[in-house]
C-alpha atoms as a PDB file:
ATOM      1  CA  MET A   1      20.641   7.048  -7.276  1.00  0.00           C
ATOM      2  CA  ASP A   2      22.584   8.129  -4.289  1.00  0.00           C
ATOM      3  CA  ASN A   3      24.113   5.605  -1.719  1.00  0.00           C
ATOM      4  CA  LYS A   4      21.828   6.730   1.039  1.00  0.00           C
ATOM      5  CA  ASN A   5      18.720   6.177  -0.759  1.00  0.00           C
ATOM      6  CA  ARG A   6      19.869   2.272  -1.979  1.00  0.00           C
ATOM      7  CA  LYS A   7      20.792   1.944   1.671  1.00  0.00           C
ATOM      8  CA  ILE A   8      17.415   3.055   2.312  1.00  0.00           C
ATOM      9  CA  ILE A   9      15.690   0.745  -0.039  1.00  0.00           C
ATOM     10  CA  ALA A  10      17.895  -2.015   1.005  1.00  0.00           C
ATOM     11  CA  ALA A  11      17.077  -1.532   4.497  1.00  0.00           C
ATOM     12  CA  TRP A  12      12.998  -1.870   3.680  1.00  0.00           C
ATOM     13  CA  ASN A  13      13.733  -5.023   1.535  1.00  0.00           C
ATOM     14  CA  ASP A  14      15.534  -6.530   4.436  1.00  0.00           C
ATOM     15  CA  LEU A  15      12.449  -5.533   6.817  1.00  0.00           C
ATOM     16  CA  SER A  16       9.568  -6.439   4.875  1.00  0.00           C
ATOM     17  CA  GLU A  17       8.572 -10.054   5.243  1.00  0.00           C
ATOM     18  CA  HIS A  18       8.752  -9.480   8.997  1.00  0.00           C
ATOM     19  CA  TYR A  19       6.830  -6.002   8.554  1.00  0.00           C
ATOM     20  CA  GLN A  20       3.901  -7.314   6.402  1.00  0.00           C
ATOM     21  CA  LYS A  21       3.883 -10.679   8.882  1.00  0.00           C
ATOM     22  CA  SER A  22       3.944  -8.469  12.038  1.00  0.00           C
ATOM     23  CA  VAL A  23       1.874  -5.389  11.094  1.00  0.00           C
ATOM     24  CA  ARG A  24      -1.566  -6.366  10.120  1.00  0.00           C
ATOM     25  CA  ILE A  25      -2.986  -3.757   7.722  1.00  0.00           C
ATOM     26  CA  SER A  26      -6.342  -4.132   6.335  1.00  0.00           C
ATOM     27  CA  THR A  27      -7.351  -3.971   2.599  1.00  0.00           C
ATOM     28  CA  ASP A  28     -10.917  -3.131   3.862  1.00  0.00           C
ATOM     29  CA  ASP A  29     -10.128   0.658   4.611  1.00  0.00           C
ATOM     30  CA  VAL A  30      -7.176   3.274   4.048  1.00  0.00           C
ATOM     31  CA  HIS A  31      -5.107   3.149   6.763  1.00  0.00           C
ATOM     32  CA  TYR A  32      -2.822   6.241   8.090  1.00  0.00           C
ATOM     33  CA  GLY A  33      -0.355   4.321  10.122  1.00  0.00           C
ATOM     34  CA  ALA A  34      -0.377   1.121  11.692  1.00  0.00           C
ATOM     35  CA  LEU A  35      -1.883   2.159  15.172  1.00  0.00           C
ATOM     36  CA  SER A  36      -4.181   4.748  14.256  1.00  0.00           C
ATOM     37  CA  TYR A  37      -7.493   5.202  12.821  1.00  0.00           C
ATOM     38  CA  GLY A  38      -8.360   4.613   9.181  1.00  0.00           C
ATOM     39  CA  GLU A  39     -10.583   6.287   6.856  1.00  0.00           C
ATOM     40  CA  LYS A  40     -13.845   5.354   8.031  1.00  0.00           C
ATOM     41  CA  GLN A  41     -13.457   7.054  11.063  1.00  0.00           C
ATOM     42  CA  LEU A  42     -11.615  10.042  10.032  1.00  0.00           C
ATOM     43  CA  HIS A  43     -12.866  10.728   6.835  1.00  0.00           C
ATOM     44  CA  LEU A  44     -10.107  12.594   5.445  1.00  0.00           C
ATOM     45  CA  ILE A  45     -10.375  11.904   1.433  1.00  0.00           C
ATOM     46  CA  GLY A  46     -13.947  11.037   0.946  1.00  0.00           C
ATOM     47  CA  SER A  47     -15.587   8.967  -2.109  1.00  0.00           C
ATOM     48  CA  VAL A  48     -12.832   7.645  -4.240  1.00  0.00           C
ATOM     49  CA  LYS A  49     -15.331   5.926  -6.971  1.00  0.00           C
ATOM     50  CA  GLY A  50     -13.968   7.001 -10.413  1.00  0.00           C
ATOM     51  CA  LYS A  51     -11.170   9.126  -9.363  1.00  0.00           C
ATOM     52  CA  LYS A  52      -7.752   8.652 -10.338  1.00  0.00           C
ATOM     53  CA  VAL A  53      -5.403   7.727  -7.343  1.00  0.00           C
ATOM     54  CA  LEU A  54      -1.722   7.372  -6.639  1.00  0.00           C
ATOM     55  CA  GLU A  55      -0.172   5.869  -3.380  1.00  0.00           C
ATOM     56  CA  ILE A  56       3.411   6.884  -3.263  1.00  0.00           C
ATOM     57  CA  GLY A  57       5.129   4.740  -0.813  1.00  0.00           C
ATOM     58  CA  CYS A  58       2.358   1.890  -1.106  1.00  0.00           C
ATOM     59  CA  GLY A  59       4.287  -0.878   0.694  1.00  0.00           C
ATOM     60  CA  GLY A  60       2.085  -3.671   0.382  1.00  0.00           C
ATOM     61  CA  GLY A  61      -0.340  -2.064  -1.262  1.00  0.00           C
ATOM     62  CA  GLN A  62      -3.209  -2.446   1.461  1.00  0.00           C
ATOM     63  CA  ASN A  63      -4.317   1.359   0.687  1.00  0.00           C
ATOM     64  CA  THR A  64      -4.046   0.648  -3.138  1.00  0.00           C
ATOM     65  CA  ILE A  65      -6.333  -2.543  -2.698  1.00  0.00           C
ATOM     66  CA  ALA A  66      -8.636  -0.700  -0.378  1.00  0.00           C
ATOM     67  CA  LEU A  67      -8.758   2.480  -2.778  1.00  0.00           C
ATOM     68  CA  ALA A  68      -9.295   0.298  -5.690  1.00  0.00           C
ATOM     69  CA  ARG A  69     -12.064  -1.706  -3.644  1.00  0.00           C
ATOM     70  CA  GLN A  70     -13.731   1.477  -3.375  1.00  0.00           C
ATOM     71  CA  GLY A  71     -13.665   2.482  -7.027  1.00  0.00           C
ATOM     72  CA  ALA A  72     -10.761   4.167  -7.753  1.00  0.00           C
ATOM     73  CA  HIS A  73      -8.209   3.833 -10.693  1.00  0.00           C
ATOM     74  CA  ALA A  74      -5.604   2.856  -8.000  1.00  0.00           C
ATOM     75  CA  VAL A  75      -1.902   3.193  -9.118  1.00  0.00           C
ATOM     76  CA  GLY A  76       0.841   2.647  -6.019  1.00  0.00           C
ATOM     77  CA  VAL A  77       4.535   3.047  -6.474  1.00  0.00           C
ATOM     78  CA  ASP A  78       7.084   1.926  -3.893  1.00  0.00           C
ATOM     79  CA  PRO A  79      11.243   1.523  -3.869  1.00  0.00           C
ATOM     80  CA  SER A  80      10.943  -1.552  -2.303  1.00  0.00           C
ATOM     81  CA  THR A  81      10.862  -4.617  -4.382  1.00  0.00           C
ATOM     82  CA  ILE A  82      10.102  -6.769  -1.825  1.00  0.00           C
ATOM     83  CA  GLN A  83       7.244  -4.592  -0.718  1.00  0.00           C
ATOM     84  CA  LEU A  84       6.052  -4.624  -4.196  1.00  0.00           C
ATOM     85  CA  ALA A  85       6.038  -8.444  -4.678  1.00  0.00           C
ATOM     86  CA  HIS A  86       3.992  -8.673  -1.337  1.00  0.00           C
ATOM     87  CA  ALA A  87       1.214  -6.183  -3.075  1.00  0.00           C
ATOM     88  CA  PHE A  88       0.938  -8.072  -6.270  1.00  0.00           C
ATOM     89  CA  SER A  89       0.328 -11.372  -4.020  1.00  0.00           C
ATOM     90  CA  LEU A  90      -2.000  -9.702  -1.860  1.00  0.00           C
ATOM     91  CA  ALA A  91      -3.754  -8.276  -4.821  1.00  0.00           C
ATOM     92  CA  LYS A  92      -4.229 -11.365  -6.781  1.00  0.00           C
ATOM     93  CA  SER A  93      -5.355 -13.286  -3.563  1.00  0.00           C
ATOM     94  CA  CYS A  94      -7.897 -10.102  -3.051  1.00  0.00           C
ATOM     95  CA  ASN A  95      -8.773 -10.399  -6.500  1.00  0.00           C
ATOM     96  CA  GLN A  96      -7.828  -6.502  -7.571  1.00  0.00           C
ATOM     97  CA  LEU A  97      -5.997  -5.297 -10.066  1.00  0.00           C
ATOM     98  CA  ILE A  98      -4.023  -2.557  -9.096  1.00  0.00           C
ATOM     99  CA  VAL A  99      -0.983  -0.974 -11.217  1.00  0.00           C
ATOM    100  CA  LEU A 100       2.138  -0.879  -9.159  1.00  0.00           C
END
């Protein structure tokens, strides 16, 4: 991994706790940004029940959890270990098994 990517990951690790506390992201709907409408309004992906879904850059796992709640076999990946720790904790509190 090059130095630029290391710096980006380090920045996300440093920012993660503040980001997760300040930006309340629902686990009941797939979101497309902190200030945008979600899937329930936009209908961009349709039914995911029974589908395999990979979320690249899952952050705190909110979308991955929302997709699992809708019946998807959801997998989330993120380079930030702090964001993934938040995702594991959130998934556990939501009684969801997700793969990260």
